[in-house]
PDB file of N, CA and C in Angstrom:
ATOM      1  N   UNK A   1     221.001  50.615 101.756  1.00  0.00           N
ATOM      2  CA  UNK A   1     221.713  51.791 102.196  1.00  0.00           C
ATOM      3  C   UNK A   1     222.771  52.135 101.144  1.00  0.00           C
ATOM      4  N   UNK A   2     222.852  53.409 100.815  1.00  0.00           N
ATOM      5  CA  UNK A   2     223.802  53.874  99.803  1.00  0.00           C
ATOM      6  C   UNK A   2     225.227  53.816 100.342  1.00  0.00           C
ATOM      7  N   UNK A   3     226.152  53.492  99.483  1.00  0.00           N
ATOM      8  CA  UNK A   3     227.555  53.427  99.862  1.00  0.00           C
ATOM      9  C   UNK A   3     228.143  54.842  99.833  1.00  0.00           C
ATOM     10  N   UNK A   4     228.856  55.202 100.916  1.00  0.00           N
ATOM     11  CA  UNK A   4     229.456  56.531 101.007  1.00  0.00           C
ATOM     12  C   UNK A   4     230.898  56.482 100.525  1.00  0.00           C
ATOM     13  N   UNK A   5     231.293  57.484  99.797  1.00  0.00           N
ATOM     14  CA  UNK A   5     232.677  57.632  99.394  1.00  0.00           C
ATOM     15  C   UNK A   5     233.319  58.673 100.302  1.00  0.00           C
ATOM     16  N   UNK A   6     234.294  58.282 101.085  1.00  0.00           N
ATOM     17  CA  UNK A   6     234.978  59.189 101.991  1.00  0.00           C
ATOM     18  C   UNK A   6     236.317  59.600 101.388  1.00  0.00           C
ATOM     19  N   UNK A   7     236.618  60.864 101.507  1.00  0.00           N
ATOM     20  CA  UNK A   7     237.882  61.385 100.992  1.00  0.00           C
ATOM     21  C   UNK A   7     238.812  61.651 102.162  1.00  0.00           C
ATOM     22  N   UNK A   8     240.030  61.135 102.135  1.00  0.00           N
ATOM     23  CA  UNK A   8     240.985  61.406 103.223  1.00  0.00           C
ATOM     24  C   UNK A   8     241.290  62.903 103.318  1.00  0.00           C
ATOM     25  N   UNK A   9     241.506  63.360 104.535  1.00  0.00           N
ATOM     26  CA  UNK A   9     241.797  64.779 104.755  1.00  0.00           C
ATOM     27  C   UNK A   9     243.024  65.228 103.975  1.00  0.00           C
ATOM     28  N   UNK A  10     244.031  64.397 103.884  1.00  0.00           N
ATOM     29  CA  UNK A  10     245.255  64.782 103.167  1.00  0.00           C
ATOM     30  C   UNK A  10     244.959  65.100 101.701  1.00  0.00           C
ATOM     31  N   UNK A  11     244.004  64.397 101.103  1.00  0.00           N
ATOM     32  CA  UNK A  11     243.623  64.655  99.715  1.00  0.00           C
ATOM     33  C   UNK A  11     242.905  66.004  99.611  1.00  0.00           C
ATOM     34  N   UNK A  12     242.025  66.284 100.569  1.00  0.00           N
ATOM     35  CA  UNK A  12     241.300  67.561 100.581  1.00  0.00           C
ATOM     36  C   UNK A  12     242.287  68.710 100.756  1.00  0.00           C
ATOM     37  N   UNK A  13     243.233  68.565 101.683  1.00  0.00           N
ATOM     38  CA  UNK A  13     244.235  69.612 101.916  1.00  0.00           C
ATOM     39  C   UNK A  13     245.043  69.858 100.647  1.00  0.00           C
ATOM     40  N   UNK A  14     245.462  68.797  99.981  1.00  0.00           N
ATOM     41  CA  UNK A  14     246.209  68.953  98.727  1.00  0.00           C
ATOM     42  C   UNK A  14     245.367  69.649  97.663  1.00  0.00           C
ATOM     43  N   UNK A  15     244.068  69.323  97.591  1.00  0.00           N
ATOM     44  CA  UNK A  15     243.183  69.950  96.613  1.00  0.00           C
ATOM     45  C   UNK A  15     242.998  71.437  96.894  1.00  0.00           C
ATOM     46  N   UNK A  16     242.877  71.796  98.162  1.00  0.00           N
ATOM     47  CA  UNK A  16     242.598  73.189  98.533  1.00  0.00           C
ATOM     48  C   UNK A  16     243.866  74.031  98.546  1.00  0.00           C
ATOM     49  N   UNK A  17     244.941  73.535  99.179  1.00  0.00           N
ATOM     50  CA  UNK A  17     246.161  74.309  99.367  1.00  0.00           C
ATOM     51  C   UNK A  17     247.246  73.985  98.360  1.00  0.00           C
ATOM     52  N   UNK A  18     247.078  72.924  97.610  1.00  0.00           N
ATOM     53  CA  UNK A  18     248.117  72.491  96.677  1.00  0.00           C
ATOM     54  C   UNK A  18     249.004  71.443  97.329  1.00  0.00           C
ATOM     55  N   UNK A  19     249.769  70.734  96.529  1.00  0.00           N
ATOM     56  CA  UNK A  19     250.649  69.690  97.063  1.00  0.00           C
ATOM     57  C   UNK A  19     251.724  70.276  97.977  1.00  0.00           C
ATOM     58  N   UNK A  20     252.193  69.458  98.918  1.00  0.00           N
ATOM     59  CA  UNK A  20     253.264  69.883  99.823  1.00  0.00           C
ATOM     60  C   UNK A  20     254.484  70.308  99.015  1.00  0.00           C
ATOM     61  N   UNK A  21     255.108  71.412  99.455  1.00  0.00           N
ATOM     62  CA  UNK A  21     256.310  71.896  98.783  1.00  0.00           C
ATOM     63  C   UNK A  21     256.056  72.951  97.726  1.00  0.00           C
ATOM     64  N   UNK A  22     254.792  73.191  97.366  1.00  0.00           N
ATOM     65  CA  UNK A  22     254.500  74.237  96.387  1.00  0.00           C
ATOM     66  C   UNK A  22     254.452  75.594  97.089  1.00  0.00           C
ATOM     67  N   UNK A  23     254.699  76.675  96.374  1.00  0.00           N
ATOM     68  CA  UNK A  23     254.663  77.997  97.006  1.00  0.00           C
ATOM     69  C   UNK A  23     253.325  78.304  97.687  1.00  0.00           C
ATOM     70  N   UNK A  24     252.224  77.899  97.053  1.00  0.00           N
ATOM     71  CA  UNK A  24     250.903  78.170  97.635  1.00  0.00           C
ATOM     72  C   UNK A  24     250.735  77.436  98.965  1.00  0.00           C
ATOM     73  N   UNK A  25     251.129  76.180  98.989  1.00  0.00           N
ATOM     74  CA  UNK A  25     251.009  75.372 100.212  1.00  0.00           C
ATOM     75  C   UNK A  25     251.930  75.916 101.292  1.00  0.00           C
ATOM     76  N   UNK A  26     253.171  76.243 100.934  1.00  0.00           N
ATOM     77  CA  UNK A  26     254.118  76.790 101.909  1.00  0.00           C
ATOM     78  C   UNK A  26     253.602  78.097 102.504  1.00  0.00           C
ATOM     79  N   UNK A  27     253.024  78.961 101.666  1.00  0.00           N
ATOM     80  CA  UNK A  27     252.479  80.233 102.143  1.00  0.00           C
ATOM     81  C   UNK A  27     251.303  80.001 103.094  1.00  0.00           C
ATOM     82  N   UNK A  28     250.424  79.062 102.746  1.00  0.00           N
ATOM     83  CA  UNK A  28     249.274  78.783 103.593  1.00  0.00           C
ATOM     84  C   UNK A  28     249.719  78.203 104.933  1.00  0.00           C
ATOM     85  N   UNK A  29     250.691  77.290 104.915  1.00  0.00           N
ATOM     86  CA  UNK A  29     251.177  76.697 106.160  1.00  0.00           C
ATOM     87  C   UNK A  29     251.881  77.735 107.029  1.00  0.00           C
ATOM     88  N   UNK A  30     252.623  78.656 106.409  1.00  0.00           N
ATOM     89  CA  UNK A  30     253.278  79.730 107.159  1.00  0.00           C
ATOM     90  C   UNK A  30     252.238  80.641 107.806  1.00  0.00           C
ATOM     91  N   UNK A  31     251.175  80.964 107.055  1.00  0.00           N
ATOM     92  CA  UNK A  31     250.102  81.805 107.600  1.00  0.00           C
ATOM     93  C   UNK A  31     249.393  81.104 108.751  1.00  0.00           C
ATOM     94  N   UNK A  32     249.149  79.836 108.596  1.00  0.00           N
ATOM     95  CA  UNK A  32     248.502  79.059 109.649  1.00  0.00           C
ATOM     96  C   UNK A  32     249.356  79.047 110.912  1.00  0.00           C
ATOM     97  N   UNK A  33     250.665  78.896 110.756  1.00  0.00           N
ATOM     98  CA  UNK A  33     251.571  78.904 111.905  1.00  0.00           C
ATOM     99  C   UNK A  33     251.530  80.259 112.617  1.00  0.00           C
ATOM    100  N   UNK A  34     251.531  81.353 111.852  1.00  0.00           N
ATOM    101  CA  UNK A  34     251.438  82.696 112.444  1.00  0.00           C
ATOM    102  C   UNK A  34     250.127  82.871 113.198  1.00  0.00           C
ATOM    103  N   UNK A  35     249.042  82.388 112.611  1.00  0.00           N
ATOM    104  CA  UNK A  35     247.730  82.503 113.250  1.00  0.00           C
ATOM    105  C   UNK A  35     247.685  81.734 114.567  1.00  0.00           C
ATOM    106  N   UNK A  36     248.273  80.561 114.601  1.00  0.00           N
ATOM    107  CA  UNK A  36     248.298  79.759 115.820  1.00  0.00           C
ATOM    108  C   UNK A  36     249.136  80.446 116.894  1.00  0.00           C
ATOM    109  N   UNK A  37     250.279  80.999 116.498  1.00  0.00           N
ATOM    110  CA  UNK A  37     251.123  81.709 117.457  1.00  0.00           C
ATOM    111  C   UNK A  37     250.397  82.931 118.018  1.00  0.00           C
ATOM    112  N   UNK A  38     249.705  83.669 117.155  1.00  0.00           N
ATOM    113  CA  UNK A  38     248.947  84.836 117.607  1.00  0.00           C
ATOM    114  C   UNK A  38     247.857  84.416 118.585  1.00  0.00           C
ATOM    115  N   UNK A  39     247.224  83.284 118.326  1.00  0.00           N
ATOM    116  CA  UNK A  39     246.188  82.776 119.221  1.00  0.00           C
ATOM    117  C   UNK A  39     246.764  82.482 120.605  1.00  0.00           C
ATOM    118  N   UNK A  40     247.917  81.806 120.665  1.00  0.00           N
ATOM    119  CA  UNK A  40     248.506  81.455 121.957  1.00  0.00           C
ATOM    120  C   UNK A  40     248.973  82.691 122.725  1.00  0.00           C
ATOM    121  N   UNK A  41     249.516  83.682 122.033  1.00  0.00           N
ATOM    122  CA  UNK A  41     249.896  84.932 122.703  1.00  0.00           C
ATOM    123  C   UNK A  41     248.638  85.608 123.243  1.00  0.00           C
ATOM    124  N   UNK A  42     247.584  85.630 122.450  1.00  0.00           N
ATOM    125  CA  UNK A  42     246.321  86.220 122.889  1.00  0.00           C
ATOM    126  C   UNK A  42     245.748  85.521 124.101  1.00  0.00           C
ATOM    127  N   UNK A  43     245.819  84.208 124.123  1.00  0.00           N
ATOM    128  CA  UNK A  43     245.333  83.447 125.277  1.00  0.00           C
ATOM    129  C   UNK A  43     246.141  83.782 126.533  1.00  0.00           C
ATOM    130  N   UNK A  44     247.447  83.962 126.382  1.00  0.00           N
ATOM    131  CA  UNK A  44     248.293  84.320 127.525  1.00  0.00           C
ATOM    132  C   UNK A  44     247.919  85.699 128.061  1.00  0.00           C
ATOM    133  N   UNK A  45     247.656  86.634 127.156  1.00  0.00           N
ATOM    134  CA  UNK A  45     247.241  87.981 127.566  1.00  0.00           C
ATOM    135  C   UNK A  45     245.910  87.905 128.307  1.00  0.00           C
ATOM    136  N   UNK A  46     244.962  87.203 127.738  1.00  0.00           N
ATOM    137  CA  UNK A  46     243.634  87.093 128.352  1.00  0.00           C
ATOM    138  C   UNK A  46     243.712  86.435 129.725  1.00  0.00           C
ATOM    139  N   UNK A  47     244.471  85.368 129.829  1.00  0.00           N
ATOM    140  CA  UNK A  47     244.600  84.654 131.103  1.00  0.00           C
ATOM    141  C   UNK A  47     245.191  85.572 132.177  1.00  0.00           C
ATOM    142  N   UNK A  48     246.254  86.308 131.829  1.00  0.00           N
ATOM    143  CA  UNK A  48     246.887  87.214 132.789  1.00  0.00           C
ATOM    144  C   UNK A  48     245.942  88.355 133.162  1.00  0.00           C
ATOM    145  N   UNK A  49     245.200  88.867 132.178  1.00  0.00           N
ATOM    146  CA  UNK A  49     244.249  89.963 132.446  1.00  0.00           C
ATOM    147  C   UNK A  49     243.149  89.499 133.390  1.00  0.00           C
ATOM    148  N   UNK A  50     242.579  88.334 133.123  1.00  0.00           N
ATOM    149  CA  UNK A  50     241.496  87.818 133.965  1.00  0.00           C
ATOM    150  C   UNK A  50     241.991  87.488 135.370  1.00  0.00           C
ATOM    151  N   UNK A  51     243.218  87.011 135.483  1.00  0.00           N
ATOM    152  CA  UNK A  51     243.796  86.698 136.790  1.00  0.00           C
ATOM    153  C   UNK A  51     243.877  87.949 137.655  1.00  0.00           C
ATOM    154  N   UNK A  52     244.053  89.097 137.002  1.00  0.00           N
ATOM    155  CA  UNK A  52     244.142  90.366 137.721  1.00  0.00           C
ATOM    156  C   UNK A  52     242.797  91.084 137.805  1.00  0.00           C
ATOM    157  N   UNK A  53     241.745  90.412 137.360  1.00  0.00           N
ATOM    158  CA  UNK A  53     240.383  90.974 137.369  1.00  0.00           C
ATOM    159  C   UNK A  53     240.300  92.306 136.638  1.00  0.00           C
ATOM    160  N   UNK A  54     240.999  92.401 135.513  1.00  0.00           N
ATOM    161  CA  UNK A  54     240.951  93.608 134.683  1.00  0.00           C
ATOM    162  C   UNK A  54     240.003  93.378 133.518  1.00  0.00           C
ATOM    163  N   UNK A  55     239.287  94.426 133.133  1.00  0.00           N
ATOM    164  CA  UNK A  55     238.493  94.366 131.912  1.00  0.00           C
ATOM    165  C   UNK A  55     239.416  94.690 130.743  1.00  0.00           C
ATOM    166  N   UNK A  56     238.949  94.403 129.545  1.00  0.00           N
ATOM    167  CA  UNK A  56     239.740  94.765 128.365  1.00  0.00           C
ATOM    168  C   UNK A  56     239.931  96.274 128.305  1.00  0.00           C
ATOM    169  N   UNK A  57     238.920  97.000 128.693  1.00  0.00           N
ATOM    170  CA  UNK A  57     239.005  98.458 128.674  1.00  0.00           C
ATOM    171  C   UNK A  57     240.061  98.951 129.666  1.00  0.00           C
ATOM    172  N   UNK A  58     240.083  98.376 130.871  1.00  0.00           N
ATOM    173  CA  UNK A  58     241.075  98.781 131.872  1.00  0.00           C
ATOM    174  C   UNK A  58     242.496  98.472 131.404  1.00  0.00           C
ATOM    175  N   UNK A  59     242.691  97.308 130.813  1.00  0.00           N
ATOM    176  CA  UNK A  59     244.013  96.977 130.286  1.00  0.00           C
ATOM    177  C   UNK A  59     244.376  97.917 129.145  1.00  0.00           C
ATOM    178  N   UNK A  60     243.414  98.223 128.301  1.00  0.00           N
ATOM    179  CA  UNK A  60     243.655  99.153 127.208  1.00  0.00           C
ATOM    180  C   UNK A  60     244.130 100.508 127.695  1.00  0.00           C
ATOM    181  N   UNK A  61     243.528 100.993 128.774  1.00  0.00           N
ATOM    182  CA  UNK A  61     243.942 102.279 129.352  1.00  0.00           C
ATOM    183  C   UNK A  61     245.389 102.187 129.832  1.00  0.00           C
ATOM    184  N   UNK A  62     245.737 101.089 130.505  1.00  0.00           N
ATOM    185  CA  UNK A  62     247.112 100.915 130.999  1.00  0.00           C
ATOM    186  C   UNK A  62     248.126 100.850 129.858  1.00  0.00           C
ATOM    187  N   UNK A  63     247.722 100.242 128.746  1.00  0.00           N
ATOM    188  CA  UNK A  63     248.624 100.062 127.604  1.00  0.00           C
ATOM    189  C   UNK A  63     248.640 101.296 126.712  1.00  0.00           C
ATOM    190  N   UNK A  64     247.520 102.026 126.689  1.00  0.00           N
ATOM    191  CA  UNK A  64     247.412 103.192 125.817  1.00  0.00           C
ATOM    192  C   UNK A  64     246.760 102.877 124.487  1.00  0.00           C
ATOM    193  N   UNK A  65     245.895 101.848 124.478  1.00  0.00           N
ATOM    194  CA  UNK A  65     245.162 101.479 123.271  1.00  0.00           C
ATOM    195  C   UNK A  65     243.683 101.332 123.624  1.00  0.00           C
ATOM    196  N   UNK A  66     242.869 101.220 122.595  1.00  0.00           N
ATOM    197  CA  UNK A  66     241.435 101.049 122.812  1.00  0.00           C
ATOM    198  C   UNK A  66     241.105  99.609 123.180  1.00  0.00           C
ATOM    199  N   UNK A  67     239.950  99.435 123.786  1.00  0.00           N
ATOM    200  CA  UNK A  67     239.454  98.108 124.163  1.00  0.00           C
ATOM    201  C   UNK A  67     239.427  97.174 122.960  1.00  0.00           C
ATOM    202  N   UNK A  68     239.056  97.707 121.810  1.00  0.00           N
ATOM    203  CA  UNK A  68     238.955  96.873 120.607  1.00  0.00           C
ATOM    204  C   UNK A  68     240.305  96.268 120.228  1.00  0.00           C
ATOM    205  N   UNK A  69     241.394  97.001 120.462  1.00  0.00           N
ATOM    206  CA  UNK A  69     242.726  96.468 120.160  1.00  0.00           C
ATOM    207  C   UNK A  69     243.064  95.319 121.106  1.00  0.00           C
ATOM    208  N   UNK A  70     242.719  95.463 122.381  1.00  0.00           N
ATOM    209  CA  UNK A  70     242.955  94.376 123.347  1.00  0.00           C
ATOM    210  C   UNK A  70     242.135  93.159 122.941  1.00  0.00           C
ATOM    211  N   UNK A  71     240.907  93.370 122.521  1.00  0.00           N
ATOM    212  CA  UNK A  71     240.053  92.267 122.079  1.00  0.00           C
ATOM    213  C   UNK A  71     240.676  91.549 120.893  1.00  0.00           C
ATOM    214  N   UNK A  72     241.163  92.291 119.918  1.00  0.00           N
ATOM    215  CA  UNK A  72     241.803  91.683 118.745  1.00  0.00           C
ATOM    216  C   UNK A  72     243.047  90.886 119.140  1.00  0.00           C
ATOM    217  N   UNK A  73     243.843  91.444 120.054  1.00  0.00           N
ATOM    218  CA  UNK A  73     245.047  90.745 120.496  1.00  0.00           C
ATOM    219  C   UNK A  73     244.685  89.438 121.187  1.00  0.00           C
ATOM    220  N   UNK A  74     243.690  89.489 122.069  1.00  0.00           N
ATOM    221  CA  UNK A  74     243.291  88.298 122.814  1.00  0.00           C
ATOM    222  C   UNK A  74     242.713  87.217 121.912  1.00  0.00           C
ATOM    223  N   UNK A  75     242.069  87.608 120.839  1.00  0.00           N
ATOM    224  CA  UNK A  75     241.479  86.640 119.914  1.00  0.00           C
ATOM    225  C   UNK A  75     242.473  86.171 118.859  1.00  0.00           C
ATOM    226  N   UNK A  76     243.676  86.760 118.863  1.00  0.00           N
ATOM    227  CA  UNK A  76     244.675  86.393 117.862  1.00  0.00           C
ATOM    228  C   UNK A  76     244.319  86.908 116.484  1.00  0.00           C
ATOM    229  N   UNK A  77     243.548  87.987 116.426  1.00  0.00           N
ATOM    230  CA  UNK A  77     243.084  88.528 115.149  1.00  0.00           C
ATOM    231  C   UNK A  77     244.054  89.522 114.537  1.00  0.00           C
ATOM    232  N   UNK A  78     245.147  89.782 115.227  1.00  0.00           N
ATOM    233  CA  UNK A  78     246.164  90.664 114.652  1.00  0.00           C
ATOM    234  C   UNK A  78     247.526  90.186 115.130  1.00  0.00           C
ATOM    235  N   UNK A  79     248.538  90.503 114.373  1.00  0.00           N
ATOM    236  CA  UNK A  79     249.897  90.133 114.738  1.00  0.00           C
ATOM    237  C   UNK A  79     250.420  91.193 115.696  1.00  0.00           C
ATOM    238  N   UNK A  80     250.883  90.739 116.836  1.00  0.00           N
ATOM    239  CA  UNK A  80     251.379  91.673 117.844  1.00  0.00           C
ATOM    240  C   UNK A  80     252.858  91.967 117.586  1.00  0.00           C
ATOM    241  N   UNK A  81     253.201  93.242 117.617  1.00  0.00           N
ATOM    242  CA  UNK A  81     254.597  93.626 117.439  1.00  0.00           C
ATOM    243  C   UNK A  81     255.308  93.542 118.793  1.00  0.00           C
ATOM    244  N   UNK A  82     256.624  93.478 118.763  1.00  0.00           N
ATOM    245  CA  UNK A  82     257.367  93.416 120.025  1.00  0.00           C
ATOM    246  C   UNK A  82     257.135  94.649 120.897  1.00  0.00           C
ATOM    247  N   UNK A  83     257.106  95.873 120.342  1.00  0.00           N
ATOM    248  CA  UNK A  83     256.827  97.020 121.209  1.00  0.00           C
ATOM    249  C   UNK A  83     255.441  96.934 121.871  1.00  0.00           C
ATOM    250  N   UNK A  84     254.434  96.486 121.132  1.00  0.00           N
ATOM    251  CA  UNK A  84     253.097  96.349 121.709  1.00  0.00           C
ATOM    252  C   UNK A  84     253.090  95.236 122.750  1.00  0.00           C
ATOM    253  N   UNK A  85     253.742  94.125 122.433  1.00  0.00           N
ATOM    254  CA  UNK A  85     253.811  93.023 123.394  1.00  0.00           C
ATOM    255  C   UNK A  85     254.477  93.491 124.683  1.00  0.00           C
ATOM    256  N   UNK A  86     255.535  94.264 124.535  1.00  0.00           N
ATOM    257  CA  UNK A  86     256.231  94.792 125.709  1.00  0.00           C
ATOM    258  C   UNK A  86     255.297  95.645 126.552  1.00  0.00           C
ATOM    259  N   UNK A  87     254.564  96.557 125.929  1.00  0.00           N
ATOM    260  CA  UNK A  87     253.644  97.432 126.673  1.00  0.00           C
ATOM    261  C   UNK A  87     252.544  96.629 127.358  1.00  0.00           C
ATOM    262  N   UNK A  88     251.991  95.643 126.660  1.00  0.00           N
ATOM    263  CA  UNK A  88     250.904  94.842 127.226  1.00  0.00           C
ATOM    264  C   UNK A  88     251.396  94.059 128.436  1.00  0.00           C
ATOM    265  N   UNK A  89     252.496  93.337 128.269  1.00  0.00           N
ATOM    266  CA  UNK A  89     252.965  92.494 129.366  1.00  0.00           C
ATOM    267  C   UNK A  89     253.528  93.317 130.524  1.00  0.00           C
ATOM    268  N   UNK A  90     254.118  94.472 130.242  1.00  0.00           N
ATOM    269  CA  UNK A  90     254.545  95.353 131.330  1.00  0.00           C
ATOM    270  C   UNK A  90     253.322  95.858 132.097  1.00  0.00           C
ATOM    271  N   UNK A  91     252.253  96.204 131.379  1.00  0.00           N
ATOM    272  CA  UNK A  91     251.019  96.661 132.027  1.00  0.00           C
ATOM    273  C   UNK A  91     250.403  95.562 132.886  1.00  0.00           C
ATOM    274  N   UNK A  92     250.662  94.323 132.508  1.00  0.00           N
ATOM    275  CA  UNK A  92     250.152  93.184 133.278  1.00  0.00           C
ATOM    276  C   UNK A  92     251.104  92.782 134.407  1.00  0.00           C
ATOM    277  N   UNK A  93     252.227  93.494 134.537  1.00  0.00           N
ATOM    278  CA  UNK A  93     253.143  93.247 135.642  1.00  0.00           C
ATOM    279  C   UNK A  93     254.305  92.321 135.345  1.00  0.00           C
ATOM    280  N   UNK A  94     254.499  91.966 134.095  1.00  0.00           N
ATOM    281  CA  UNK A  94     255.650  91.149 133.733  1.00  0.00           C
ATOM    282  C   UNK A  94     256.833  92.082 133.515  1.00  0.00           C
ATOM    283  N   UNK A  95     257.761  92.099 134.453  1.00  0.00           N
ATOM    284  CA  UNK A  95     258.864  93.044 134.409  1.00  0.00           C
ATOM    285  C   UNK A  95     259.916  92.731 133.368  1.00  0.00           C
ATOM    286  N   UNK A  96     260.020  91.471 132.966  1.00  0.00           N
ATOM    287  CA  UNK A  96     261.024  91.112 131.979  1.00  0.00           C
ATOM    288  C   UNK A  96     260.541  89.912 131.172  1.00  0.00           C
ATOM    289  N   UNK A  97     261.163  89.738 130.019  1.00  0.00           N
ATOM    290  CA  UNK A  97     260.856  88.591 129.168  1.00  0.00           C
ATOM    291  C   UNK A  97     262.066  88.335 128.290  1.00  0.00           C
ATOM    292  N   UNK A  98     262.202  87.089 127.863  1.00  0.00           N
ATOM    293  CA  UNK A  98     263.302  86.760 126.969  1.00  0.00           C
ATOM    294  C   UNK A  98     262.803  85.853 125.856  1.00  0.00           C
ATOM    295  N   UNK A  99     263.507  85.908 124.758  1.00  0.00           N
ATOM    296  CA  UNK A  99     263.209  85.087 123.603  1.00  0.00           C
ATOM    297  C   UNK A  99     264.227  83.956 123.557  1.00  0.00           C
ATOM    298  N   UNK A 100     263.732  82.715 123.573  1.00  0.00           N
ATOM    299  CA  UNK A 100     264.615  81.546 123.548  1.00  0.00           C
ATOM    300  C   UNK A 100     264.920  81.196 122.100  1.00  0.00           C
ATOM    301  N   UNK A 101     266.173  81.331 121.712  1.00  0.00           N
ATOM    302  CA  UNK A 101     266.605  81.046 120.351  1.00  0.00           C
ATOM    303  C   UNK A 101     267.232  79.661 120.238  1.00  0.00           C
ATOM    304  N   UNK A 102     266.933  78.793 121.187  1.00  0.00           N
ATOM    305  CA  UNK A 102     267.483  77.439 121.163  1.00  0.00           C
ATOM    306  C   UNK A 102     268.990  77.463 121.332  1.00  0.00           C
ATOM    307  N   UNK A 103     269.710  76.913 120.376  1.00  0.00           N
ATOM    308  CA  UNK A 103     271.168  76.857 120.487  1.00  0.00           C
ATOM    309  C   UNK A 103     271.802  78.234 120.381  1.00  0.00           C
ATOM    310  N   UNK A 104     271.038  79.232 119.930  1.00  0.00           N
ATOM    311  CA  UNK A 104     271.542  80.601 119.844  1.00  0.00           C
ATOM    312  C   UNK A 104     271.484  81.335 121.156  1.00  0.00           C
ATOM    313  N   UNK A 105     270.899  80.714 122.181  1.00  0.00           N
ATOM    314  CA  UNK A 105     270.796  81.346 123.498  1.00  0.00           C
ATOM    315  C   UNK A 105     269.506  82.115 123.661  1.00  0.00           C
ATOM    316  N   UNK A 106     269.468  82.905 124.710  1.00  0.00           N
ATOM    317  CA  UNK A 106     268.286  83.717 125.007  1.00  0.00           C
ATOM    318  C   UNK A 106     268.607  85.194 124.831  1.00  0.00           C
ATOM    319  N   UNK A 107     267.603  85.942 124.370  1.00  0.00           N
ATOM    320  CA  UNK A 107     267.740  87.369 124.154  1.00  0.00           C
ATOM    321  C   UNK A 107     266.706  88.080 125.014  1.00  0.00           C
ATOM    322  N   UNK A 108     267.142  89.040 125.837  1.00  0.00           N
ATOM    323  CA  UNK A 108     266.215  89.808 126.660  1.00  0.00           C
ATOM    324  C   UNK A 108     265.389  90.726 125.761  1.00  0.00           C
ATOM    325  N   UNK A 109     264.059  90.669 125.916  1.00  0.00           N
ATOM    326  CA  UNK A 109     263.186  91.528 125.121  1.00  0.00           C
ATOM    327  C   UNK A 109     262.920  92.857 125.848  1.00  0.00           C
ATOM    328  N   UNK A 110     262.783  92.792 127.142  1.00  0.00           N
ATOM    329  CA  UNK A 110     262.611  93.989 127.973  1.00  0.00           C
ATOM    330  C   UNK A 110     262.943  93.664 129.384  1.00  0.00           C
TER     331      UNK A 110
END
């Protein structure tokens, strides 16, 4: 049986994104963080929409956007702005929301 050479994931990540602390690596990690956040916001939208038995098209009508925009938001394929987030969550019946800034306190978004 042939001997396999396995490469640790950390080595592959360094090869693809560059070493930790480099501008390329920092940019990639920042983008990855944004993508993950967009995914979680999208999942929250989808969960609330399904709980109310709404289709993407019906939610889109309530928000004033096309079904395709709701689909993109739910899949985390676009960055949601605060005004859009406000319209979506208000359409889903969330009357208020706040942003937790940790030691800076909370800020009412709507």
